[in-house]
């Protein structure tokens, strides 16, 4: 199904952010996100509270997205929504609304894999941002995922490396919790790391064969390191916070870069794109950019607003699926775990 002007309404509700975007072809007209601050006091996302907040937020968020895009719902060509992976209760809010609106407007419904969207966000038409060409390697890094993906086409992707236990975002958040930083702690570690010495403390890299990752051992290592030093000096964390954060961030960057270098050597592909919430980390972004001159790679770093969960990335997948008639019907169900 092709037409000159395609307007996609995209809905993202996989975790704790309610997001809606409107795209005109591959250009973003609006990208609205309602953050849920209620989880901060619990030190993590509470699924039931997230679902309730989505129900409160979804209508006003979509209303604002349409108004900012300056179009009416009757101009929409299709509705794209996150089918999974994510929290089931949260996913259901987005999918139920998308199904209902698609039925009411009698327009196609498009189901999107959240992880595909993090990768394909690079194809949003943004001034000053290049788009990768196929094939390329994508490093998807978030609170729930750590993957190296060989991307052959919009709809042909293969995971060639992934975490065997915890995700990289979990390593950042757990470290922040050990250091007594509030949730979400990942951005705070990034902030403190800028003032610290990344070589002050050394940690051992996990010995995982091939392109797979492991972060559970690193988390334990950091915990024991803090406990040992805090026992000797109760003010250890406060006095050395910046250096600890910089050193932890550096070992995580080294682990990611080692696997990327191996992936490039094995595949011969030198185009590298990153995506996912942890790709907002300034240390990772800078290191990857520097790899262009160091290793001769071409790297693609997404616009900051497309790193964390957002609906624009759902919309760009929706647009590509619209062009290829990849629609779903009302029987489509949300999936907390979904086949990649």
Protein backbone atom coordinates (compact mmCIF):
# COMPACT_ATOMS: atom_id res chain seq x y z
CA UNK A 1 0.00 0.00 0.00
CA UNK A 2 1.68 3.22 -1.13
CA UNK A 3 0.55 6.82 -1.26
CA UNK A 4 2.45 10.09 -1.45
CA UNK A 5 1.79 11.26 2.10
CA UNK A 6 1.65 8.56 4.74
CA UNK A 7 0.69 9.67 8.26
CA UNK A 8 1.47 7.13 10.98
CA UNK A 9 0.29 7.48 14.57
CA UNK A 10 2.70 5.48 16.75
CA UNK A 11 2.08 4.35 20.34
CA UNK A 12 4.77 3.08 22.74
CA UNK A 13 3.88 1.75 26.22
CA UNK A 14 6.27 -1.13 26.85
CA UNK A 15 7.58 -0.03 30.25
CA UNK A 16 7.02 3.14 32.28
CA UNK A 17 6.86 5.87 29.61
CA UNK A 18 3.64 6.61 27.72
CA UNK A 19 4.63 7.88 24.30
CA UNK A 20 2.91 8.89 21.06
CA UNK A 21 4.33 10.24 17.81
CA UNK A 22 3.06 11.25 14.40
CA UNK A 23 5.24 10.66 11.35
CA UNK A 24 4.73 11.97 7.83
CA UNK A 25 6.54 9.34 5.79
CA UNK A 26 9.96 9.10 7.53
CA UNK A 27 9.83 12.56 9.11
CA UNK A 28 8.74 13.12 12.73
CA UNK A 29 6.01 15.73 13.12
CA UNK A 30 5.57 15.19 16.86
CA UNK A 31 7.13 12.98 19.51
CA UNK A 32 5.49 13.20 22.95
CA UNK A 33 6.54 11.28 26.08
CA UNK A 34 4.85 11.29 29.51
CA UNK A 35 7.36 10.17 32.13
CA UNK A 36 6.19 8.33 35.25
CA UNK A 37 7.95 9.65 38.34
CA UNK A 38 6.01 7.46 40.78
CA UNK A 39 8.57 4.62 40.46
CA UNK A 40 11.46 6.65 41.88
CA UNK A 41 10.40 6.10 45.49
CA UNK A 42 10.42 2.32 44.93
CA UNK A 43 13.87 2.20 43.32
CA UNK A 44 12.52 0.55 40.16
CA UNK A 45 9.48 0.15 37.93
CA UNK A 46 6.38 -1.27 39.65
CA UNK A 47 4.38 -2.98 36.84
CA UNK A 48 0.90 -2.42 38.31
CA UNK A 49 1.56 1.28 38.91
CA UNK A 50 2.99 1.61 35.40
CA UNK A 51 -0.18 0.14 33.86
CA UNK A 52 -2.43 2.51 35.80
CA UNK A 53 -0.32 5.52 34.82
CA UNK A 54 -0.47 4.47 31.14
CA UNK A 55 -4.27 4.42 31.36
CA UNK A 56 -4.25 7.95 32.73
CA UNK A 57 -1.72 9.25 30.21
CA UNK A 58 -2.54 7.60 26.91
CA UNK A 59 -5.47 9.78 25.77
CA UNK A 60 -3.87 13.16 26.59
CA UNK A 61 -0.49 12.07 25.13
CA UNK A 62 -2.06 11.04 21.81
CA UNK A 63 -4.17 14.20 21.77
CA UNK A 64 -1.05 16.36 22.23
CA UNK A 65 0.85 14.38 19.56
CA UNK A 66 -1.91 14.98 16.98
CA UNK A 67 -2.17 18.68 17.88
CA UNK A 68 1.60 19.20 17.70
CA UNK A 69 1.66 17.46 14.31
CA UNK A 70 -1.18 19.75 13.23
CA UNK A 71 -3.26 16.94 11.76
CA UNK A 72 -6.61 15.37 12.64
CA UNK A 73 -7.13 11.69 13.35
CA UNK A 74 -9.07 11.38 10.08
CA UNK A 75 -5.86 12.12 8.15
CA UNK A 76 -4.06 9.11 9.65
CA UNK A 77 -3.03 6.33 7.26
CA UNK A 78 -2.34 3.68 9.93
CA UNK A 79 -1.65 3.11 13.62
CA UNK A 80 1.54 1.43 14.83
CA UNK A 81 1.98 0.11 18.37
CA UNK A 82 4.55 -1.77 20.44
CA UNK A 83 3.55 -5.44 20.56
CA UNK A 84 6.52 -6.44 22.77
CA UNK A 85 8.79 -7.11 24.51
CA UNK A 86 7.88 -5.31 27.73
CA UNK A 87 5.64 -5.39 30.79
CA UNK A 88 2.41 -7.15 29.85
CA UNK A 89 0.07 -4.74 31.65
CA UNK A 90 1.77 -1.74 30.06
CA UNK A 91 1.76 -3.28 26.59
CA UNK A 92 -1.96 -4.05 26.85
CA UNK A 93 -2.86 -0.41 27.43
CA UNK A 94 -1.13 0.66 24.22
CA UNK A 95 -2.31 -2.25 22.09
CA UNK A 96 -5.94 -1.98 23.27
CA UNK A 97 -6.05 1.72 22.45
CA UNK A 98 -4.37 1.18 19.06
CA UNK A 99 -6.79 -1.60 18.13
CA UNK A 100 -9.83 0.43 19.16
CA UNK A 101 -8.77 3.55 17.26
CA UNK A 102 -7.80 1.58 14.17
CA UNK A 103 -11.23 -0.08 14.17
CA UNK A 104 -13.05 3.23 14.74
CA UNK A 105 -11.15 4.96 11.90
CA UNK A 106 -11.13 1.84 9.69
CA UNK A 107 -7.38 2.13 9.02
CA UNK A 108 -4.61 -0.52 9.14
CA UNK A 109 -3.00 -1.70 12.36
CA UNK A 110 0.77 -2.33 12.55
CA UNK A 111 2.50 -4.34 15.30
CA UNK A 112 6.11 -3.38 16.08
CA UNK A 113 8.89 -5.20 17.93
CA UNK A 114 10.33 -2.69 20.42
CA UNK A 115 13.92 -3.89 19.88
CA UNK A 116 13.65 -3.60 16.08
CA UNK A 117 12.47 -0.03 16.64
CA UNK A 118 15.58 0.90 18.66
CA UNK A 119 17.67 -0.25 15.68
CA UNK A 120 15.57 1.29 12.91
CA UNK A 121 15.30 4.67 14.68
CA UNK A 122 18.39 5.49 12.62
CA UNK A 123 16.17 5.70 9.52
CA UNK A 124 14.17 8.66 10.83
CA UNK A 125 14.83 11.62 8.54
CA UNK A 126 16.75 14.05 10.76
CA UNK A 127 18.90 16.93 9.59
CA UNK A 128 22.57 16.31 10.39
CA UNK A 129 22.13 12.55 10.95
CA UNK A 130 23.25 9.99 8.37
CA UNK A 131 21.38 6.73 7.80
CA UNK A 132 23.27 3.43 7.71
CA UNK A 133 23.22 1.25 4.60
CA UNK A 134 22.61 -2.50 4.73
CA UNK A 135 24.21 -4.58 6.07
CA UNK A 136 25.29 -2.98 9.35
CA UNK A 137 25.87 -4.06 12.94
CA UNK A 138 23.64 -2.72 15.69
CA UNK A 139 24.52 -2.70 19.38
CA UNK A 140 21.27 -2.49 21.34
CA UNK A 141 21.88 -1.62 24.98
CA UNK A 142 19.18 -0.99 27.56
CA UNK A 143 17.96 -1.96 31.01
CA UNK A 144 16.59 -5.25 29.69
CA UNK A 145 18.71 -6.03 26.63
CA UNK A 146 22.29 -6.21 25.41
CA UNK A 147 22.57 -7.48 21.85
CA UNK A 148 24.76 -7.30 18.77
CA UNK A 149 22.52 -7.60 15.74
CA UNK A 150 23.48 -8.10 12.10
CA UNK A 151 20.96 -6.01 10.18
CA UNK A 152 20.60 -7.21 6.58
CA UNK A 153 17.39 -5.36 5.77
CA UNK A 154 14.47 -3.60 7.46
CA UNK A 155 12.85 -6.98 8.13
CA UNK A 156 15.88 -9.28 8.16
CA UNK A 157 17.89 -9.12 11.37
CA UNK A 158 19.98 -11.72 13.16
CA UNK A 159 21.21 -11.64 16.78
CA UNK A 160 24.88 -12.67 16.69
CA UNK A 161 25.66 -11.85 20.33
CA UNK A 162 23.63 -11.21 23.48
CA UNK A 163 23.86 -11.21 27.26
CA UNK A 164 23.81 -14.57 28.99
CA UNK A 165 22.44 -13.02 32.19
CA UNK A 166 21.95 -9.32 33.05
CA UNK A 167 21.72 -6.41 30.65
CA UNK A 168 24.23 -3.56 30.61
CA UNK A 169 21.60 -1.12 31.93
CA UNK A 170 21.10 -3.40 34.93
CA UNK A 171 24.84 -3.16 35.67
CA UNK A 172 24.64 0.64 35.68
CA UNK A 173 21.47 0.74 37.81
CA UNK A 174 22.74 -1.86 40.30
CA UNK A 175 26.02 0.05 40.71
CA UNK A 176 24.06 3.25 41.32
CA UNK A 177 21.99 1.48 43.99
CA UNK A 178 25.14 0.16 45.71
CA UNK A 179 26.50 3.71 45.72
CA UNK A 180 23.27 5.01 47.26
CA UNK A 181 22.22 7.01 44.18
CA UNK A 182 18.49 7.44 43.49
CA UNK A 183 16.63 5.60 40.70
CA UNK A 184 17.18 5.78 37.77
CA UNK A 185 20.90 5.67 38.52
CA UNK A 186 22.43 5.14 35.08
CA UNK A 187 22.36 8.83 34.05
CA UNK A 188 23.81 9.83 37.44
CA UNK A 189 26.79 7.49 37.00
CA UNK A 190 27.39 9.11 33.60
CA UNK A 191 27.22 12.55 35.24
CA UNK A 192 29.68 11.73 38.06
CA UNK A 193 32.00 9.84 35.68
CA UNK A 194 32.72 13.06 33.79
CA UNK A 195 34.52 14.39 36.89
CA UNK A 196 36.39 11.18 37.75
CA UNK A 197 39.48 9.22 36.78
CA UNK A 198 38.47 6.13 34.75
CA UNK A 199 41.77 4.40 35.57
CA UNK A 200 41.59 4.87 39.36
CA UNK A 201 40.06 1.45 40.07
CA UNK A 202 40.35 -1.67 37.94
CA UNK A 203 37.78 -4.42 37.51
CA UNK A 204 38.11 -7.78 35.78
CA UNK A 205 36.40 -8.34 32.44
CA UNK A 206 34.15 -11.41 32.32
CA UNK A 207 35.55 -14.24 30.20
CA UNK A 208 32.65 -15.06 27.91
CA UNK A 209 33.41 -16.77 24.61
CA UNK A 210 32.36 -15.39 21.25
CA UNK A 211 30.12 -12.36 20.93
CA UNK A 212 27.99 -12.95 24.03
CA UNK A 213 28.07 -10.75 27.15
CA UNK A 214 27.80 -11.28 30.90
CA UNK A 215 27.32 -8.57 33.52
CA UNK A 216 26.20 -10.48 36.64
CA UNK A 217 29.77 -11.21 37.72
CA UNK A 218 30.78 -7.59 37.23
CA UNK A 219 27.86 -6.48 39.42
CA UNK A 220 29.02 -8.85 42.20
CA UNK A 221 32.61 -7.67 41.79
CA UNK A 222 31.55 -4.02 42.20
CA UNK A 223 29.43 -4.89 45.26
CA UNK A 224 32.33 -6.67 47.03
CA UNK A 225 34.72 -3.84 46.08
CA UNK A 226 32.44 -1.22 47.67
CA UNK A 227 31.73 -3.36 50.76
CA UNK A 228 35.45 -4.03 51.37
CA UNK A 229 36.51 -0.39 51.01
CA UNK A 230 33.52 0.99 52.94
CA UNK A 231 34.37 -1.34 55.84
CA UNK A 232 37.84 0.21 56.00
CA UNK A 233 36.61 3.77 55.42
CA UNK A 234 32.90 4.55 55.98
CA UNK A 235 33.25 7.68 53.80
CA UNK A 236 34.88 5.79 50.91
CA UNK A 237 31.93 6.14 48.50
CA UNK A 238 31.33 9.81 49.21
CA UNK A 239 35.02 10.70 48.95
CA UNK A 240 35.60 8.72 45.73
CA UNK A 241 32.20 8.76 44.02
CA UNK A 242 33.40 10.37 40.76
CA UNK A 243 36.37 7.99 40.40
CA UNK A 244 34.23 4.92 41.19
CA UNK A 245 31.62 5.95 38.59
CA UNK A 246 34.28 6.71 35.99
CA UNK A 247 36.03 3.36 36.59
CA UNK A 248 32.78 1.35 36.43
CA UNK A 249 31.69 3.17 33.28
CA UNK A 250 35.10 2.52 31.69
CA UNK A 251 35.06 -1.25 32.30
CA UNK A 252 31.54 -1.44 30.83
CA UNK A 253 32.66 0.54 27.75
CA UNK A 254 35.71 -1.74 27.38
CA UNK A 255 33.51 -4.86 27.52
CA UNK A 256 31.16 -3.48 24.85
CA UNK A 257 33.99 -2.32 22.58
CA UNK A 258 35.86 -5.65 22.82
CA UNK A 259 32.79 -7.50 21.56
CA UNK A 260 32.13 -4.94 18.82
CA UNK A 261 35.72 -5.26 17.56
CA UNK A 262 35.30 -9.04 17.49
CA UNK A 263 31.97 -8.72 15.63
CA UNK A 264 33.59 -6.48 13.00
CA UNK A 265 36.47 -8.96 12.60
CA UNK A 266 34.06 -11.91 12.20
CA UNK A 267 31.58 -10.25 9.82
CA UNK A 268 33.75 -7.77 7.94
CA UNK A 269 31.02 -5.15 8.48
CA UNK A 270 32.39 -1.77 9.58
CA UNK A 271 29.14 0.18 9.90
CA UNK A 272 28.13 0.26 13.57
CA UNK A 273 24.91 1.71 14.97
CA UNK A 274 23.86 1.91 18.61
CA UNK A 275 20.39 2.11 20.12
CA UNK A 276 18.49 1.67 23.37
CA UNK A 277 18.37 3.67 26.58
CA UNK A 278 22.01 3.10 27.54
CA UNK A 279 23.12 4.57 24.19
CA UNK A 280 22.34 7.93 25.83
CA UNK A 281 25.50 7.43 27.94
CA UNK A 282 28.02 10.13 26.94
CA UNK A 283 31.05 7.89 27.55
CA UNK A 284 29.73 5.21 25.19
CA UNK A 285 28.76 7.79 22.57
CA UNK A 286 32.18 9.46 22.65
CA UNK A 287 34.08 6.15 22.53
CA UNK A 288 32.07 4.95 19.54
CA UNK A 289 32.58 8.24 17.71
CA UNK A 290 36.33 8.03 18.34
CA UNK A 291 36.32 4.49 16.89
CA UNK A 292 35.75 6.00 13.43
CA UNK A 293 39.29 7.41 13.33
CA UNK A 294 40.80 4.64 15.43
CA UNK A 295 39.43 1.58 13.58
CA UNK A 296 38.11 3.03 10.31
CA UNK A 297 34.48 2.33 11.23
CA UNK A 298 31.47 4.36 10.20
CA UNK A 299 29.37 4.85 13.34
CA UNK A 300 25.77 5.93 13.78
CA UNK A 301 24.69 7.47 17.07
CA UNK A 302 20.99 8.34 17.40
CA UNK A 303 19.61 11.73 18.29
CA UNK A 304 19.34 11.86 22.08
CA UNK A 305 15.52 11.84 22.14
CA UNK A 306 15.47 8.57 20.15
CA UNK A 307 17.68 6.66 22.60
CA UNK A 308 15.29 6.11 25.51
CA UNK A 309 11.81 4.68 24.92
CA UNK A 310 9.87 6.85 22.48
CA UNK A 311 7.14 6.47 19.88
CA UNK A 312 9.00 8.04 16.94
CA UNK A 313 11.06 4.84 16.62
CA UNK A 314 7.84 2.80 16.61
CA UNK A 315 6.54 5.10 13.89
CA UNK A 316 9.52 4.63 11.55
CA UNK A 317 9.08 0.84 11.69
CA UNK A 318 5.36 1.43 11.14
CA UNK A 319 6.11 3.47 8.03
CA UNK A 320 8.34 0.77 6.54
CA UNK A 321 5.77 -1.91 7.32
CA UNK A 322 3.04 0.26 5.76
CA UNK A 323 5.03 0.45 2.51
CA UNK A 324 5.28 -3.36 2.48
CA UNK A 325 1.66 -4.09 3.53
CA UNK A 326 2.77 -5.73 6.79
CA UNK A 327 -0.47 -5.26 8.75
CA UNK A 328 -2.06 -7.21 11.60
CA UNK A 329 -5.68 -7.78 12.58
CA UNK A 330 -7.61 -7.40 15.83
CA UNK A 331 -6.62 -10.90 16.99
CA UNK A 332 -2.97 -9.80 17.47
CA UNK A 333 -1.89 -10.09 21.09
CA UNK A 334 0.73 -8.28 23.16
CA UNK A 335 3.77 -10.35 24.12
CA UNK A 336 5.97 -9.71 27.15
CA UNK A 337 8.59 -11.86 25.43
CA UNK A 338 8.61 -11.81 21.67
CA UNK A 339 10.58 -13.66 19.05
CA UNK A 340 13.23 -11.34 17.64
